[in-house]
Amino acid sequence: MNREGSWQEDIQVNPQQKIIDTMLILKEAGKLPQEEVHEMKSERRGRFLDMNKNYEQQSIYDGDILCVQ
C-alpha cells in the first residue's frame, strides 16, 4: 500500500481477533480515516476479506499485506 496519502505500518495481531476489531482500534488511534472502511484485500491471497471473521478464519498469517479500501 504505497500510494500517495496511504498509511503503511507493520502490526502484529492475535489470529483470533476479528478483522473489523483491528480496524476500529486503528481508527481510534488515528491511523485510519474516520470514514467507513468498506473493504480489505489480502495482497498475498489476492482476494477481499470478510471483516467479520478473524485472521485465522481468513487464512491471514505473518507477512501478508492488507489494503484497506
N, C-alpha and C. Protein backbone atom coordinates (compact mmCIF):
# COMPACT_ATOMS: atom_id res chain seq x y z
N MET A 1 0.85 -1.17 0.00
CA MET A 1 0.00 0.00 0.00
C MET A 1 0.88 1.22 0.00
N ASN A 2 1.47 1.50 -1.09
CA ASN A 2 2.45 2.57 -1.19
C ASN A 2 1.95 3.71 -2.06
N ARG A 3 0.66 3.98 -2.02
CA ARG A 3 0.10 5.06 -2.82
C ARG A 3 0.19 6.37 -2.05
N GLU A 4 0.18 7.46 -2.78
CA GLU A 4 0.24 8.77 -2.13
C GLU A 4 -0.94 8.93 -1.18
N GLY A 5 -0.65 9.39 0.03
CA GLY A 5 -1.70 9.58 1.02
C GLY A 5 -2.08 8.32 1.77
N SER A 6 -1.36 7.25 1.56
CA SER A 6 -1.70 6.00 2.24
C SER A 6 -0.83 5.80 3.47
N TRP A 7 -1.27 4.94 4.35
CA TRP A 7 -0.56 4.63 5.58
C TRP A 7 0.00 3.23 5.47
N GLN A 8 1.22 3.06 5.89
CA GLN A 8 1.85 1.75 5.82
C GLN A 8 2.61 1.51 7.11
N GLU A 9 2.31 0.39 7.77
CA GLU A 9 2.97 0.07 9.02
C GLU A 9 2.81 -1.42 9.29
N ASP A 10 3.82 -2.01 9.92
CA ASP A 10 3.74 -3.41 10.33
C ASP A 10 3.04 -3.47 11.68
N ILE A 11 2.05 -4.33 11.78
CA ILE A 11 1.39 -4.54 13.07
C ILE A 11 1.31 -6.04 13.33
N GLN A 12 1.14 -6.39 14.58
CA GLN A 12 1.01 -7.78 14.98
C GLN A 12 -0.31 -7.91 15.74
N VAL A 13 -1.12 -8.89 15.36
CA VAL A 13 -2.42 -9.08 16.00
C VAL A 13 -2.61 -10.54 16.38
N ASN A 14 -3.52 -10.76 17.30
CA ASN A 14 -3.91 -12.11 17.68
C ASN A 14 -4.69 -12.73 16.52
N PRO A 15 -4.36 -13.94 16.09
CA PRO A 15 -5.07 -14.57 14.97
C PRO A 15 -6.56 -14.78 15.24
N GLN A 16 -6.96 -14.77 16.52
CA GLN A 16 -8.37 -14.95 16.88
C GLN A 16 -9.15 -13.63 16.87
N GLN A 17 -8.46 -12.51 16.68
CA GLN A 17 -9.12 -11.21 16.67
C GLN A 17 -9.84 -11.00 15.35
N LYS A 18 -11.06 -10.47 15.44
CA LYS A 18 -11.80 -10.15 14.22
C LYS A 18 -11.12 -9.00 13.50
N ILE A 19 -11.15 -9.05 12.20
CA ILE A 19 -10.51 -8.03 11.37
C ILE A 19 -11.16 -6.67 11.62
N ILE A 20 -12.47 -6.64 11.75
CA ILE A 20 -13.17 -5.37 11.98
C ILE A 20 -12.74 -4.74 13.30
N ASP A 21 -12.44 -5.56 14.32
CA ASP A 21 -11.98 -5.02 15.60
C ASP A 21 -10.63 -4.33 15.45
N THR A 22 -9.75 -4.89 14.64
CA THR A 22 -8.47 -4.25 14.37
C THR A 22 -8.69 -2.90 13.69
N MET A 23 -9.61 -2.86 12.74
CA MET A 23 -9.89 -1.61 12.03
C MET A 23 -10.41 -0.55 13.00
N LEU A 24 -11.26 -0.94 13.94
CA LEU A 24 -11.77 0.02 14.92
C LEU A 24 -10.67 0.55 15.82
N ILE A 25 -9.76 -0.32 16.25
CA ILE A 25 -8.63 0.09 17.09
C ILE A 25 -7.75 1.08 16.33
N LEU A 26 -7.44 0.76 15.08
CA LEU A 26 -6.60 1.65 14.27
C LEU A 26 -7.29 2.99 14.01
N LYS A 27 -8.59 2.96 13.81
CA LYS A 27 -9.34 4.20 13.59
C LYS A 27 -9.31 5.06 14.85
N GLU A 28 -9.52 4.44 16.02
CA GLU A 28 -9.49 5.18 17.28
C GLU A 28 -8.11 5.77 17.55
N ALA A 29 -7.06 5.10 17.09
CA ALA A 29 -5.68 5.58 17.27
C ALA A 29 -5.30 6.64 16.24
N GLY A 30 -6.21 6.95 15.32
CA GLY A 30 -5.94 7.95 14.30
C GLY A 30 -5.10 7.46 13.15
N LYS A 31 -4.97 6.16 13.01
CA LYS A 31 -4.15 5.58 11.94
C LYS A 31 -4.94 5.37 10.65
N LEU A 32 -6.26 5.37 10.75
CA LEU A 32 -7.13 5.21 9.58
C LEU A 32 -8.08 6.38 9.50
N PRO A 33 -8.56 6.70 8.30
CA PRO A 33 -9.53 7.78 8.16
C PRO A 33 -10.80 7.47 8.96
N GLN A 34 -11.50 8.49 9.38
CA GLN A 34 -12.71 8.31 10.18
C GLN A 34 -13.89 7.80 9.34
N GLU A 35 -13.81 7.95 8.01
CA GLU A 35 -14.91 7.45 7.20
C GLU A 35 -14.95 5.92 7.23
N GLU A 36 -16.06 5.39 6.82
CA GLU A 36 -16.29 3.94 6.86
C GLU A 36 -15.29 3.19 5.98
N VAL A 37 -14.75 2.11 6.54
CA VAL A 37 -13.89 1.21 5.77
C VAL A 37 -14.81 0.22 5.07
N HIS A 38 -14.72 0.14 3.76
CA HIS A 38 -15.64 -0.70 3.01
C HIS A 38 -15.10 -2.09 2.73
N GLU A 39 -13.83 -2.19 2.41
CA GLU A 39 -13.26 -3.48 2.04
C GLU A 39 -11.81 -3.57 2.48
N MET A 40 -11.36 -4.80 2.64
CA MET A 40 -9.96 -5.06 2.90
C MET A 40 -9.53 -6.21 2.00
N LYS A 41 -8.38 -6.04 1.38
CA LYS A 41 -7.89 -7.03 0.44
C LYS A 41 -6.55 -7.57 0.89
N SER A 42 -6.38 -8.88 0.78
CA SER A 42 -5.11 -9.54 1.04
C SER A 42 -4.30 -9.53 -0.25
N GLU A 43 -3.16 -8.88 -0.23
CA GLU A 43 -2.31 -8.84 -1.42
C GLU A 43 -1.70 -10.21 -1.70
N ARG A 44 -1.39 -10.97 -0.65
CA ARG A 44 -0.79 -12.29 -0.82
C ARG A 44 -1.79 -13.26 -1.45
N ARG A 45 -3.02 -13.24 -0.98
CA ARG A 45 -4.03 -14.17 -1.48
C ARG A 45 -4.80 -13.60 -2.67
N GLY A 46 -4.73 -12.28 -2.86
CA GLY A 46 -5.39 -11.65 -4.00
C GLY A 46 -6.91 -11.66 -3.91
N ARG A 47 -7.44 -11.59 -2.70
CA ARG A 47 -8.89 -11.60 -2.55
C ARG A 47 -9.33 -10.67 -1.43
N PHE A 48 -10.60 -10.30 -1.49
CA PHE A 48 -11.18 -9.46 -0.45
C PHE A 48 -11.56 -10.33 0.75
N LEU A 49 -11.49 -9.73 1.94
CA LEU A 49 -11.72 -10.46 3.18
C LEU A 49 -13.08 -10.15 3.77
N ASP A 50 -13.61 -11.10 4.52
CA ASP A 50 -14.81 -10.89 5.32
C ASP A 50 -14.34 -10.31 6.65
N MET A 51 -14.56 -9.03 6.87
CA MET A 51 -14.02 -8.36 8.05
C MET A 51 -14.71 -8.78 9.35
N ASN A 52 -15.81 -9.52 9.26
CA ASN A 52 -16.48 -10.02 10.46
C ASN A 52 -15.89 -11.34 10.95
N LYS A 53 -14.93 -11.88 10.21
CA LYS A 53 -14.24 -13.10 10.61
C LYS A 53 -12.88 -12.72 11.18
N ASN A 54 -12.23 -13.68 11.84
CA ASN A 54 -10.91 -13.39 12.38
C ASN A 54 -9.83 -13.73 11.36
N TYR A 55 -8.60 -13.38 11.69
CA TYR A 55 -7.48 -13.57 10.76
C TYR A 55 -7.26 -15.05 10.44
N GLU A 56 -7.38 -15.89 11.45
CA GLU A 56 -7.18 -17.32 11.25
C GLU A 56 -8.23 -17.89 10.30
N GLN A 57 -9.49 -17.50 10.47
CA GLN A 57 -10.56 -17.97 9.59
C GLN A 57 -10.34 -17.53 8.15
N GLN A 58 -9.69 -16.40 7.96
CA GLN A 58 -9.45 -15.87 6.62
C GLN A 58 -8.07 -16.27 6.07
N SER A 59 -7.35 -17.12 6.81
CA SER A 59 -6.01 -17.60 6.42
C SER A 59 -5.03 -16.45 6.21
N ILE A 60 -5.09 -15.47 7.12
CA ILE A 60 -4.17 -14.34 7.09
C ILE A 60 -3.11 -14.59 8.15
N TYR A 61 -1.88 -14.74 7.71
CA TYR A 61 -0.78 -15.06 8.61
C TYR A 61 0.37 -14.08 8.42
N ASP A 62 1.49 -14.34 9.07
CA ASP A 62 2.67 -13.46 9.00
C ASP A 62 3.03 -13.12 7.56
N GLY A 63 3.41 -11.88 7.37
CA GLY A 63 3.95 -11.45 6.09
C GLY A 63 2.92 -11.02 5.07
N ASP A 64 1.65 -11.08 5.39
CA ASP A 64 0.64 -10.65 4.42
C ASP A 64 0.57 -9.13 4.39
N ILE A 65 0.15 -8.59 3.28
CA ILE A 65 -0.06 -7.15 3.13
C ILE A 65 -1.55 -6.96 2.92
N LEU A 66 -2.16 -6.17 3.80
CA LEU A 66 -3.59 -5.92 3.72
C LEU A 66 -3.83 -4.49 3.28
N CYS A 67 -4.67 -4.32 2.29
CA CYS A 67 -5.01 -2.99 1.77
C CYS A 67 -6.43 -2.65 2.16
N VAL A 68 -6.60 -1.53 2.82
CA VAL A 68 -7.91 -1.04 3.22
C VAL A 68 -8.43 -0.15 2.11
N GLN A 69 -9.67 -0.38 1.71
CA GLN A 69 -10.25 0.41 0.62
C GLN A 69 -11.59 0.97 1.03
